[in-house]
């Protein structure tokens, strides 16, 4: 059922539901809504447990106070769609694509179709994974971020890829055009969800989770720079938040960016590109080095900034 109004509901978690993961507890408590809908609310920071944001897989203690802010959305269902994919690598266990800017990774209220998952279901026919609502998905890119997106085709590959990401054994390198010139080296600033703007993340020194990014300057001209950022951790919006934190936001970022620079250059989207992934194949153990072609809208900036004008 679709949600048609914004409302806030409070309830106390009963003892017999304390063993359930949070998204399942919510869908059981409010049967008019799906687990997909509650996963969406959790991602948006609209579910608080004893005043704090929790992940969908976490369990609620008996007696905890749960606050749910219902948002008006469209419910979704997974269906295969014949959407062209720019395939960088594929074997029986995994697939890597070059995601174009504007493509959403998985269906969610507000984006019920036309996503990478819809395309993947059509291309692969049968996908396995631990989450039936996001088959094959092991990591995500923001809608406007382009570049390498990796997915699993079997349950075993999915579990092992998730383990590689969790153990930080997949090296991730991004290209970004930023306003200003950041200092090269480690950005070490913990991140948590913004206390007021629940869709955003922010640096928080006492309550944030560890977040580390390595920044390398590739070129600059005037007030813009081209940087390569290696993610050492994988927090939500990490690169965007870290670059804003050091005073060099990504050009085109409408959430964490510089409105003045965005108006001057009007790039059309946040100029962030997942350029390379390096890891050991989860099944064969063979080293894989994948790279994604730089998208057309980013090429002029790369050429200008690498050449220094």
C-alpha atoms as a PDB file:
ATOM      1  CA  UNK A   1       0.000   0.000   0.000  1.00  0.00           C
ATOM      2  CA  UNK A   2       1.272   3.482  -0.795  1.00  0.00           C
ATOM      3  CA  UNK A   3       1.726   5.994   1.986  1.00  0.00           C
ATOM      4  CA  UNK A   4      -0.247   9.166   1.300  1.00  0.00           C
ATOM      5  CA  UNK A   5       0.484  11.250   4.375  1.00  0.00           C
ATOM      6  CA  UNK A   6       3.288  12.267   6.696  1.00  0.00           C
ATOM      7  CA  UNK A   7       2.719  11.151  10.273  1.00  0.00           C
ATOM      8  CA  UNK A   8       4.779  10.196  13.305  1.00  0.00           C
ATOM      9  CA  UNK A   9       4.010   7.084  15.330  1.00  0.00           C
ATOM     10  CA  UNK A  10       5.603   5.995  18.616  1.00  0.00           C
ATOM     11  CA  UNK A  11       5.575   2.504  20.126  1.00  0.00           C
ATOM     12  CA  UNK A  12       7.514   0.404  22.631  1.00  0.00           C
ATOM     13  CA  UNK A  13       9.259  -2.730  21.344  1.00  0.00           C
ATOM     14  CA  UNK A  14       7.702  -5.790  23.025  1.00  0.00           C
ATOM     15  CA  UNK A  15       9.907  -8.618  24.372  1.00  0.00           C
ATOM     16  CA  UNK A  16       8.709 -11.154  21.768  1.00  0.00           C
ATOM     17  CA  UNK A  17       9.960  -8.955  18.911  1.00  0.00           C
ATOM     18  CA  UNK A  18      13.422  -8.259  20.308  1.00  0.00           C
ATOM     19  CA  UNK A  19      14.980 -11.039  18.185  1.00  0.00           C
ATOM     20  CA  UNK A  20      13.783  -9.524  14.893  1.00  0.00           C
ATOM     21  CA  UNK A  21      15.923  -7.277  12.696  1.00  0.00           C
ATOM     22  CA  UNK A  22      14.559  -3.764  12.651  1.00  0.00           C
ATOM     23  CA  UNK A  23      13.062  -3.664   9.137  1.00  0.00           C
ATOM     24  CA  UNK A  24      11.231  -6.952   9.735  1.00  0.00           C
ATOM     25  CA  UNK A  25       9.975  -5.755  13.115  1.00  0.00           C
ATOM     26  CA  UNK A  26       8.550  -2.612  11.531  1.00  0.00           C
ATOM     27  CA  UNK A  27       6.844  -4.400   8.639  1.00  0.00           C
ATOM     28  CA  UNK A  28       5.301  -6.850  11.114  1.00  0.00           C
ATOM     29  CA  UNK A  29       4.158  -4.028  13.382  1.00  0.00           C
ATOM     30  CA  UNK A  30       2.674  -2.072  10.463  1.00  0.00           C
ATOM     31  CA  UNK A  31       1.436  -4.732   7.987  1.00  0.00           C
ATOM     32  CA  UNK A  32      -0.008  -2.137   5.599  1.00  0.00           C
ATOM     33  CA  UNK A  33       3.547  -1.278   4.545  1.00  0.00           C
ATOM     34  CA  UNK A  34       6.310  -3.443   3.048  1.00  0.00           C
ATOM     35  CA  UNK A  35       9.842  -4.087   4.275  1.00  0.00           C
ATOM     36  CA  UNK A  36      11.027  -2.108   1.237  1.00  0.00           C
ATOM     37  CA  UNK A  37       9.154   0.921   2.493  1.00  0.00           C
ATOM     38  CA  UNK A  38      10.670   0.652   5.967  1.00  0.00           C
ATOM     39  CA  UNK A  39      14.162   0.162   4.527  1.00  0.00           C
ATOM     40  CA  UNK A  40      13.580   3.422   2.684  1.00  0.00           C
ATOM     41  CA  UNK A  41      12.523   5.151   5.922  1.00  0.00           C
ATOM     42  CA  UNK A  42      15.565   3.759   7.726  1.00  0.00           C
ATOM     43  CA  UNK A  43      17.891   5.093   5.021  1.00  0.00           C
ATOM     44  CA  UNK A  44      16.243   8.502   5.260  1.00  0.00           C
ATOM     45  CA  UNK A  45      16.751   8.627   9.034  1.00  0.00           C
ATOM     46  CA  UNK A  46      13.006   8.517   9.659  1.00  0.00           C
ATOM     47  CA  UNK A  47      13.180   5.711  12.251  1.00  0.00           C
ATOM     48  CA  UNK A  48      14.695   6.391  15.656  1.00  0.00           C
ATOM     49  CA  UNK A  49      15.233   3.860  18.428  1.00  0.00           C
ATOM     50  CA  UNK A  50      15.682   5.486  21.824  1.00  0.00           C
ATOM     51  CA  UNK A  51      16.466   8.665  19.911  1.00  0.00           C
ATOM     52  CA  UNK A  52      19.171   7.199  17.658  1.00  0.00           C
ATOM     53  CA  UNK A  53      19.282   6.075  14.031  1.00  0.00           C
ATOM     54  CA  UNK A  54      19.775   2.328  13.567  1.00  0.00           C
ATOM     55  CA  UNK A  55      20.515   0.094  10.587  1.00  0.00           C
ATOM     56  CA  UNK A  56      17.898  -2.242   9.152  1.00  0.00           C
ATOM     57  CA  UNK A  57      19.806  -5.373  10.220  1.00  0.00           C
ATOM     58  CA  UNK A  58      20.145  -4.310  13.849  1.00  0.00           C
ATOM     59  CA  UNK A  59      17.919  -5.710  16.593  1.00  0.00           C
ATOM     60  CA  UNK A  60      15.837  -3.613  18.969  1.00  0.00           C
ATOM     61  CA  UNK A  61      15.988  -4.263  22.703  1.00  0.00           C
ATOM     62  CA  UNK A  62      12.742  -5.015  24.506  1.00  0.00           C
ATOM     63  CA  UNK A  63      11.318  -1.833  25.983  1.00  0.00           C
ATOM     64  CA  UNK A  64      13.061   0.460  23.495  1.00  0.00           C
ATOM     65  CA  UNK A  65      11.108   3.490  22.330  1.00  0.00           C
ATOM     66  CA  UNK A  66      10.649   3.423  18.561  1.00  0.00           C
ATOM     67  CA  UNK A  67       9.725   6.547  16.606  1.00  0.00           C
ATOM     68  CA  UNK A  68       8.593   6.153  12.973  1.00  0.00           C
ATOM     69  CA  UNK A  69       8.037   9.127  10.697  1.00  0.00           C
ATOM     70  CA  UNK A  70       5.945   7.883   7.779  1.00  0.00           C
ATOM     71  CA  UNK A  71       6.589   9.646   4.474  1.00  0.00           C
ATOM     72  CA  UNK A  72       4.270   9.848   1.466  1.00  0.00           C
ATOM     73  CA  UNK A  73       5.804   7.496  -1.125  1.00  0.00           C
ATOM     74  CA  UNK A  74       5.023   5.038  -3.867  1.00  0.00           C
ATOM     75  CA  UNK A  75       5.433   1.363  -3.007  1.00  0.00           C
ATOM     76  CA  UNK A  76       7.583  -0.681  -5.387  1.00  0.00           C
ATOM     77  CA  UNK A  77       8.009  -4.159  -6.788  1.00  0.00           C
ATOM     78  CA  UNK A  78      11.021  -5.656  -8.544  1.00  0.00           C
ATOM     79  CA  UNK A  79      10.713  -6.391 -12.227  1.00  0.00           C
ATOM     80  CA  UNK A  80      13.282  -7.055 -14.985  1.00  0.00           C
ATOM     81  CA  UNK A  81      13.725  -4.238 -17.490  1.00  0.00           C
ATOM     82  CA  UNK A  82      15.674  -4.244 -20.733  1.00  0.00           C
ATOM     83  CA  UNK A  83      18.012  -1.370 -19.888  1.00  0.00           C
ATOM     84  CA  UNK A  84      21.406  -1.294 -21.675  1.00  0.00           C
ATOM     85  CA  UNK A  85      24.424  -1.857 -19.445  1.00  0.00           C
ATOM     86  CA  UNK A  86      28.021  -0.793 -20.110  1.00  0.00           C
ATOM     87  CA  UNK A  87      29.640  -4.020 -18.913  1.00  0.00           C
ATOM     88  CA  UNK A  88      33.287  -3.749 -17.833  1.00  0.00           C
ATOM     89  CA  UNK A  89      33.712  -7.317 -16.587  1.00  0.00           C
ATOM     90  CA  UNK A  90      31.528 -10.386 -16.250  1.00  0.00           C
ATOM     91  CA  UNK A  91      31.958 -14.043 -15.324  1.00  0.00           C
ATOM     92  CA  UNK A  92      29.637 -16.656 -13.773  1.00  0.00           C
ATOM     93  CA  UNK A  93      30.077 -15.122 -10.310  1.00  0.00           C
ATOM     94  CA  UNK A  94      30.072 -11.346 -10.641  1.00  0.00           C
ATOM     95  CA  UNK A  95      29.500  -8.428 -12.981  1.00  0.00           C
ATOM     96  CA  UNK A  96      30.904  -4.902 -13.071  1.00  0.00           C
ATOM     97  CA  UNK A  97      29.374  -2.045 -15.042  1.00  0.00           C
ATOM     98  CA  UNK A  98      30.169   1.577 -15.773  1.00  0.00           C
ATOM     99  CA  UNK A  99      27.127   3.272 -14.240  1.00  0.00           C
ATOM    100  CA  UNK A 100      26.024   6.418 -16.032  1.00  0.00           C
ATOM    101  CA  UNK A 101      25.132   9.497 -13.995  1.00  0.00           C
ATOM    102  CA  UNK A 102      21.424   9.624 -13.239  1.00  0.00           C
ATOM    103  CA  UNK A 103      20.935   5.875 -12.803  1.00  0.00           C
ATOM    104  CA  UNK A 104      19.578   4.785  -9.401  1.00  0.00           C
ATOM    105  CA  UNK A 105      21.146   1.579  -8.043  1.00  0.00           C
ATOM    106  CA  UNK A 106      18.073  -0.166  -6.643  1.00  0.00           C
ATOM    107  CA  UNK A 107      14.302   0.450  -6.604  1.00  0.00           C
ATOM    108  CA  UNK A 108      12.971   2.494  -3.724  1.00  0.00           C
ATOM    109  CA  UNK A 109       9.922   4.641  -3.133  1.00  0.00           C
ATOM    110  CA  UNK A 110      10.290   7.542  -5.520  1.00  0.00           C
ATOM    111  CA  UNK A 111      12.325   5.415  -7.967  1.00  0.00           C
ATOM    112  CA  UNK A 112      10.257   2.249  -8.474  1.00  0.00           C
ATOM    113  CA  UNK A 113      11.844   1.253 -11.803  1.00  0.00           C
ATOM    114  CA  UNK A 114      14.580   2.073 -14.296  1.00  0.00           C
ATOM    115  CA  UNK A 115      17.310   1.138 -11.818  1.00  0.00           C
ATOM    116  CA  UNK A 116      20.478  -0.945 -12.018  1.00  0.00           C
ATOM    117  CA  UNK A 117      18.695  -3.797 -10.246  1.00  0.00           C
ATOM    118  CA  UNK A 118      15.896  -3.776 -12.823  1.00  0.00           C
ATOM    119  CA  UNK A 119      18.511  -3.955 -15.589  1.00  0.00           C
ATOM    120  CA  UNK A 120      20.487  -6.622 -13.737  1.00  0.00           C
ATOM    121  CA  UNK A 121      17.432  -8.845 -13.302  1.00  0.00           C
ATOM    122  CA  UNK A 122      16.830  -8.728 -17.054  1.00  0.00           C
ATOM    123  CA  UNK A 123      20.472  -9.326 -17.943  1.00  0.00           C
ATOM    124  CA  UNK A 124      21.193 -12.117 -15.473  1.00  0.00           C
ATOM    125  CA  UNK A 125      17.689 -13.673 -15.292  1.00  0.00           C
ATOM    126  CA  UNK A 126      18.393 -15.253 -11.891  1.00  0.00           C
ATOM    127  CA  UNK A 127      20.202 -13.508  -9.070  1.00  0.00           C
ATOM    128  CA  UNK A 128      20.981 -14.724  -5.573  1.00  0.00           C
ATOM    129  CA  UNK A 129      21.758 -12.769  -2.433  1.00  0.00           C
ATOM    130  CA  UNK A 130      20.846 -12.237   1.168  1.00  0.00           C
ATOM    131  CA  UNK A 131      18.426  -9.379   0.445  1.00  0.00           C
ATOM    132  CA  UNK A 132      15.568 -10.297  -1.922  1.00  0.00           C
ATOM    133  CA  UNK A 133      14.743  -6.614  -2.359  1.00  0.00           C
ATOM    134  CA  UNK A 134      18.238  -5.782  -3.635  1.00  0.00           C
ATOM    135  CA  UNK A 135      19.470  -8.931  -5.395  1.00  0.00           C
ATOM    136  CA  UNK A 136      23.151  -8.931  -6.231  1.00  0.00           C
ATOM    137  CA  UNK A 137      23.887  -5.544  -4.681  1.00  0.00           C
ATOM    138  CA  UNK A 138      27.079  -5.389  -2.592  1.00  0.00           C
ATOM    139  CA  UNK A 139      27.710  -1.620  -2.619  1.00  0.00           C
ATOM    140  CA  UNK A 140      26.104   1.528  -3.985  1.00  0.00           C
ATOM    141  CA  UNK A 141      26.843   4.751  -5.803  1.00  0.00           C
ATOM    142  CA  UNK A 142      24.789   7.920  -5.466  1.00  0.00           C
ATOM    143  CA  UNK A 143      22.354   8.558  -8.311  1.00  0.00           C
ATOM    144  CA  UNK A 144      24.485  11.336  -9.831  1.00  0.00           C
ATOM    145  CA  UNK A 145      27.818   9.566  -9.297  1.00  0.00           C
ATOM    146  CA  UNK A 146      29.130   7.697 -12.336  1.00  0.00           C
ATOM    147  CA  UNK A 147      31.565   4.800 -12.545  1.00  0.00           C
ATOM    148  CA  UNK A 148      32.234   1.233 -11.503  1.00  0.00           C
ATOM    149  CA  UNK A 149      29.401  -0.632  -9.849  1.00  0.00           C
ATOM    150  CA  UNK A 150      29.978  -4.228  -8.785  1.00  0.00           C
ATOM    151  CA  UNK A 151      27.286  -6.889  -8.272  1.00  0.00           C
ATOM    152  CA  UNK A 152      27.239 -10.584  -7.384  1.00  0.00           C
ATOM    153  CA  UNK A 153      25.496 -13.253  -9.453  1.00  0.00           C
ATOM    154  CA  UNK A 154      25.511 -16.067  -6.868  1.00  0.00           C
ATOM    155  CA  UNK A 155      24.842 -16.273  -3.142  1.00  0.00           C
ATOM    156  CA  UNK A 156      28.396 -17.410  -2.402  1.00  0.00           C
ATOM    157  CA  UNK A 157      29.934 -14.605  -4.436  1.00  0.00           C
ATOM    158  CA  UNK A 158      27.602 -12.118  -2.760  1.00  0.00           C
ATOM    159  CA  UNK A 159      28.618 -13.188   0.736  1.00  0.00           C
ATOM    160  CA  UNK A 160      32.327 -13.115  -0.117  1.00  0.00           C
ATOM    161  CA  UNK A 161      32.144  -9.716  -1.820  1.00  0.00           C
ATOM    162  CA  UNK A 162      30.311  -8.255   1.165  1.00  0.00           C
ATOM    163  CA  UNK A 163      33.054  -9.699   3.391  1.00  0.00           C
ATOM    164  CA  UNK A 164      35.752  -8.121   1.191  1.00  0.00           C
ATOM    165  CA  UNK A 165      34.072  -4.723   1.413  1.00  0.00           C
ATOM    166  CA  UNK A 166      33.636  -5.070   5.184  1.00  0.00           C
ATOM    167  CA  UNK A 167      37.298  -6.035   5.620  1.00  0.00           C
ATOM    168  CA  UNK A 168      38.342  -3.059   3.436  1.00  0.00           C
ATOM    169  CA  UNK A 169      40.054  -5.399   0.979  1.00  0.00           C
ATOM    170  CA  UNK A 170      38.565  -3.737  -2.088  1.00  0.00           C
ATOM    171  CA  UNK A 171      40.530  -0.673  -3.147  1.00  0.00           C
ATOM    172  CA  UNK A 172      38.238   2.113  -4.414  1.00  0.00           C
ATOM    173  CA  UNK A 173      39.503   5.147  -6.318  1.00  0.00           C
ATOM    174  CA  UNK A 174      37.378   8.117  -7.381  1.00  0.00           C
ATOM    175  CA  UNK A 175      37.910  11.178  -9.567  1.00  0.00           C
ATOM    176  CA  UNK A 176      36.339  14.448  -8.457  1.00  0.00           C
ATOM    177  CA  UNK A 177      36.322  18.047  -9.616  1.00  0.00           C
ATOM    178  CA  UNK A 178      36.344  20.270  -6.556  1.00  0.00           C
ATOM    179  CA  UNK A 179      36.148  23.965  -5.721  1.00  0.00           C
ATOM    180  CA  UNK A 180      39.453  25.105  -4.271  1.00  0.00           C
ATOM    181  CA  UNK A 181      42.687  23.142  -3.797  1.00  0.00           C
ATOM    182  CA  UNK A 182      42.645  20.511  -1.046  1.00  0.00           C
ATOM    183  CA  UNK A 183      45.743  19.523   0.858  1.00  0.00           C
ATOM    184  CA  UNK A 184      47.077  16.152  -0.242  1.00  0.00           C
ATOM    185  CA  UNK A 185      47.077  13.259   2.201  1.00  0.00           C
ATOM    186  CA  UNK A 186      44.741  11.622   4.687  1.00  0.00           C
ATOM    187  CA  UNK A 187      41.361  13.087   5.585  1.00  0.00           C
ATOM    188  CA  UNK A 188      40.492  11.450   8.894  1.00  0.00           C
ATOM    189  CA  UNK A 189      37.126  12.748  10.122  1.00  0.00           C
ATOM    190  CA  UNK A 190      34.339  10.592  11.656  1.00  0.00           C
ATOM    191  CA  UNK A 191      30.883  10.793  10.102  1.00  0.00           C
ATOM    192  CA  UNK A 192      27.332  10.357  11.362  1.00  0.00           C
ATOM    193  CA  UNK A 193      23.871  11.313  10.151  1.00  0.00           C
ATOM    194  CA  UNK A 194      23.132  15.025  10.395  1.00  0.00           C
ATOM    195  CA  UNK A 195      21.107  15.690  13.585  1.00  0.00           C
ATOM    196  CA  UNK A 196      18.625  17.984  11.811  1.00  0.00           C
ATOM    197  CA  UNK A 197      18.792  17.247   8.068  1.00  0.00           C
ATOM    198  CA  UNK A 198      18.166  13.511   8.241  1.00  0.00           C
ATOM    199  CA  UNK A 199      18.977  12.788   4.587  1.00  0.00           C
ATOM    200  CA  UNK A 200      22.460  14.241   5.029  1.00  0.00           C
ATOM    201  CA  UNK A 201      25.644  13.131   6.762  1.00  0.00           C
ATOM    202  CA  UNK A 202      28.091  15.293   8.687  1.00  0.00           C
ATOM    203  CA  UNK A 203      31.450  15.171  10.456  1.00  0.00           C
ATOM    204  CA  UNK A 204      30.958  14.587  14.176  1.00  0.00           C
ATOM    205  CA  UNK A 205      34.081  14.204  16.297  1.00  0.00           C
ATOM    206  CA  UNK A 206      32.543  12.466  19.324  1.00  0.00           C
ATOM    207  CA  UNK A 207      29.713  10.331  17.925  1.00  0.00           C
ATOM    208  CA  UNK A 208      30.703   9.756  14.295  1.00  0.00           C
ATOM    209  CA  UNK A 209      31.961   6.473  12.861  1.00  0.00           C
ATOM    210  CA  UNK A 210      35.555   6.326  11.671  1.00  0.00           C
ATOM    211  CA  UNK A 211      35.910   7.634   8.116  1.00  0.00           C
ATOM    212  CA  UNK A 212      39.182   7.947   6.212  1.00  0.00           C
ATOM    213  CA  UNK A 213      39.916   9.149   2.676  1.00  0.00           C
ATOM    214  CA  UNK A 214      43.248   9.628   0.895  1.00  0.00           C
ATOM    215  CA  UNK A 215      43.337  12.683  -1.364  1.00  0.00           C
ATOM    216  CA  UNK A 216      45.786  13.240  -4.249  1.00  0.00           C
ATOM    217  CA  UNK A 217      45.907  16.371  -6.406  1.00  0.00           C
ATOM    218  CA  UNK A 218      45.969  15.622 -10.151  1.00  0.00           C
ATOM    219  CA  UNK A 219      45.709  19.148 -11.515  1.00  0.00           C
ATOM    220  CA  UNK A 220      44.254  22.604 -10.955  1.00  0.00           C
ATOM    221  CA  UNK A 221      43.341  25.836 -12.678  1.00  0.00           C
ATOM    222  CA  UNK A 222      41.881  28.991 -11.181  1.00  0.00           C
ATOM    223  CA  UNK A 223      39.391  27.973  -8.471  1.00  0.00           C
ATOM    224  CA  UNK A 224      38.942  24.326  -9.559  1.00  0.00           C
ATOM    225  CA  UNK A 225      41.015  21.215  -8.909  1.00  0.00           C
ATOM    226  CA  UNK A 226      40.978  17.618 -10.116  1.00  0.00           C
ATOM    227  CA  UNK A 227      41.590  15.099  -7.329  1.00  0.00           C
ATOM    228  CA  UNK A 228      41.796  11.366  -6.897  1.00  0.00           C
ATOM    229  CA  UNK A 229      40.276  10.091  -3.668  1.00  0.00           C
ATOM    230  CA  UNK A 230      40.888   6.599  -2.325  1.00  0.00           C
ATOM    231  CA  UNK A 231      38.253   5.420   0.124  1.00  0.00           C
ATOM    232  CA  UNK A 232      39.790   3.662   3.110  1.00  0.00           C
ATOM    233  CA  UNK A 233      36.357   3.303   4.720  1.00  0.00           C
ATOM    234  CA  UNK A 234      32.923   3.281   3.129  1.00  0.00           C
ATOM    235  CA  UNK A 235      30.561   5.638   4.935  1.00  0.00           C
ATOM    236  CA  UNK A 236      27.476   7.096   3.280  1.00  0.00           C
ATOM    237  CA  UNK A 237      28.375  10.239   1.264  1.00  0.00           C
ATOM    238  CA  UNK A 238      31.925   9.964   2.625  1.00  0.00           C
ATOM    239  CA  UNK A 239      33.838  11.657  -0.203  1.00  0.00           C
ATOM    240  CA  UNK A 240      31.280  14.446  -0.521  1.00  0.00           C
ATOM    241  CA  UNK A 241      31.274  15.111   3.232  1.00  0.00           C
ATOM    242  CA  UNK A 242      35.068  14.915   3.585  1.00  0.00           C
ATOM    243  CA  UNK A 243      35.754  17.287   0.700  1.00  0.00           C
ATOM    244  CA  UNK A 244      33.222  19.740   2.088  1.00  0.00           C
ATOM    245  CA  UNK A 245      34.882  19.384   5.509  1.00  0.00           C
ATOM    246  CA  UNK A 246      38.295  20.433   4.125  1.00  0.00           C
ATOM    247  CA  UNK A 247      36.713  23.397   2.347  1.00  0.00           C
ATOM    248  CA  UNK A 248      36.807  21.939  -1.173  1.00  0.00           C
ATOM    249  CA  UNK A 249      33.313  20.679  -2.041  1.00  0.00           C
ATOM    250  CA  UNK A 250      32.601  18.733  -5.212  1.00  0.00           C
ATOM    251  CA  UNK A 251      31.496  20.895  -8.116  1.00  0.00           C
ATOM    252  CA  UNK A 252      27.825  20.348  -8.918  1.00  0.00           C
ATOM    253  CA  UNK A 253      26.961  18.850  -5.534  1.00  0.00           C
ATOM    254  CA  UNK A 254      23.616  20.427  -4.613  1.00  0.00           C
ATOM    255  CA  UNK A 255      23.674  19.121  -1.031  1.00  0.00           C
ATOM    256  CA  UNK A 256      27.254  19.568   0.187  1.00  0.00           C
ATOM    257  CA  UNK A 257      28.550  21.834  -2.573  1.00  0.00           C
ATOM    258  CA  UNK A 258      29.147  25.527  -3.239  1.00  0.00           C
ATOM    259  CA  UNK A 259      26.034  27.188  -4.679  1.00  0.00           C
ATOM    260  CA  UNK A 260      28.037  30.073  -6.179  1.00  0.00           C
ATOM    261  CA  UNK A 261      30.451  27.797  -8.059  1.00  0.00           C
ATOM    262  CA  UNK A 262      27.616  25.548  -9.197  1.00  0.00           C
ATOM    263  CA  UNK A 263      25.855  28.592 -10.661  1.00  0.00           C
ATOM    264  CA  UNK A 264      29.006  29.785 -12.447  1.00  0.00           C
ATOM    265  CA  UNK A 265      29.971  26.451 -14.013  1.00  0.00           C
ATOM    266  CA  UNK A 266      26.514  24.743 -14.043  1.00  0.00           C
ATOM    267  CA  UNK A 267      27.981  21.219 -14.532  1.00  0.00           C
ATOM    268  CA  UNK A 268      24.591  19.505 -14.382  1.00  0.00           C
ATOM    269  CA  UNK A 269      25.477  17.019 -11.648  1.00  0.00           C
ATOM    270  CA  UNK A 270      28.042  16.337  -8.947  1.00  0.00           C
ATOM    271  CA  UNK A 271      31.337  15.670 -10.760  1.00  0.00           C
ATOM    272  CA  UNK A 272      32.275  12.470  -8.951  1.00  0.00           C
ATOM    273  CA  UNK A 273      33.325   9.315 -10.804  1.00  0.00           C
ATOM    274  CA  UNK A 274      34.166   5.856  -9.405  1.00  0.00           C
ATOM    275  CA  UNK A 275      37.193   5.311 -11.628  1.00  0.00           C
ATOM    276  CA  UNK A 276      38.909   2.134 -10.393  1.00  0.00           C
ATOM    277  CA  UNK A 277      38.394  -0.968  -8.261  1.00  0.00           C
ATOM    278  CA  UNK A 278      41.174  -3.368  -7.300  1.00  0.00           C
ATOM    279  CA  UNK A 279      40.582  -6.613  -5.402  1.00  0.00           C
ATOM    280  CA  UNK A 280      41.066 -10.366  -5.405  1.00  0.00           C
ATOM    281  CA  UNK A 281      38.300 -12.322  -7.133  1.00  0.00           C
ATOM    282  CA  UNK A 282      36.049 -13.682  -4.351  1.00  0.00           C
ATOM    283  CA  UNK A 283      35.935 -17.184  -5.889  1.00  0.00           C
ATOM    284  CA  UNK A 284      39.145 -17.702  -7.898  1.00  0.00           C
ATOM    285  CA  UNK A 285      41.454 -15.432  -5.912  1.00  0.00           C
ATOM    286  CA  UNK A 286      42.808 -13.893  -9.112  1.00  0.00           C
ATOM    287  CA  UNK A 287      43.688 -10.169  -8.922  1.00  0.00           C
ATOM    288  CA  UNK A 288      41.181  -7.910 -10.659  1.00  0.00           C
ATOM    289  CA  UNK A 289      41.875  -4.318 -11.664  1.00  0.00           C
ATOM    290  CA  UNK A 290      38.796  -2.665 -13.156  1.00  0.00           C
ATOM    291  CA  UNK A 291      38.585   0.837 -14.581  1.00  0.00           C
ATOM    292  CA  UNK A 292      35.654   2.861 -15.908  1.00  0.00           C
ATOM    293  CA  UNK A 293      35.898   5.207 -18.869  1.00  0.00           C
ATOM    294  CA  UNK A 294      35.596   8.848 -17.874  1.00  0.00           C
ATOM    295  CA  UNK A 295      32.096  10.097 -18.779  1.00  0.00           C
ATOM    296  CA  UNK A 296      31.694  12.738 -21.474  1.00  0.00           C
ATOM    297  CA  UNK A 297      30.579  15.510 -19.117  1.00  0.00           C
ATOM    298  CA  UNK A 298      33.726  15.075 -17.009  1.00  0.00           C
ATOM    299  CA  UNK A 299      36.291  14.923 -19.851  1.00  0.00           C
ATOM    300  CA  UNK A 300      36.544  18.701 -20.485  1.00  0.00           C
ATOM    301  CA  UNK A 301      37.231  19.338 -16.800  1.00  0.00           C
ATOM    302  CA  UNK A 302      39.863  16.575 -16.674  1.00  0.00           C
ATOM    303  CA  UNK A 303      41.644  17.925 -19.742  1.00  0.00           C
ATOM    304  CA  UNK A 304      41.530  21.522 -18.531  1.00  0.00           C
ATOM    305  CA  UNK A 305      42.707  20.812 -15.004  1.00  0.00           C
ATOM    306  CA  UNK A 306      45.388  18.229 -15.841  1.00  0.00           C
ATOM    307  CA  UNK A 307      46.917  20.595 -18.365  1.00  0.00           C
ATOM    308  CA  UNK A 308      46.568  23.556 -16.049  1.00  0.00           C
ATOM    309  CA  UNK A 309      44.703  25.457 -18.743  1.00  0.00           C
END
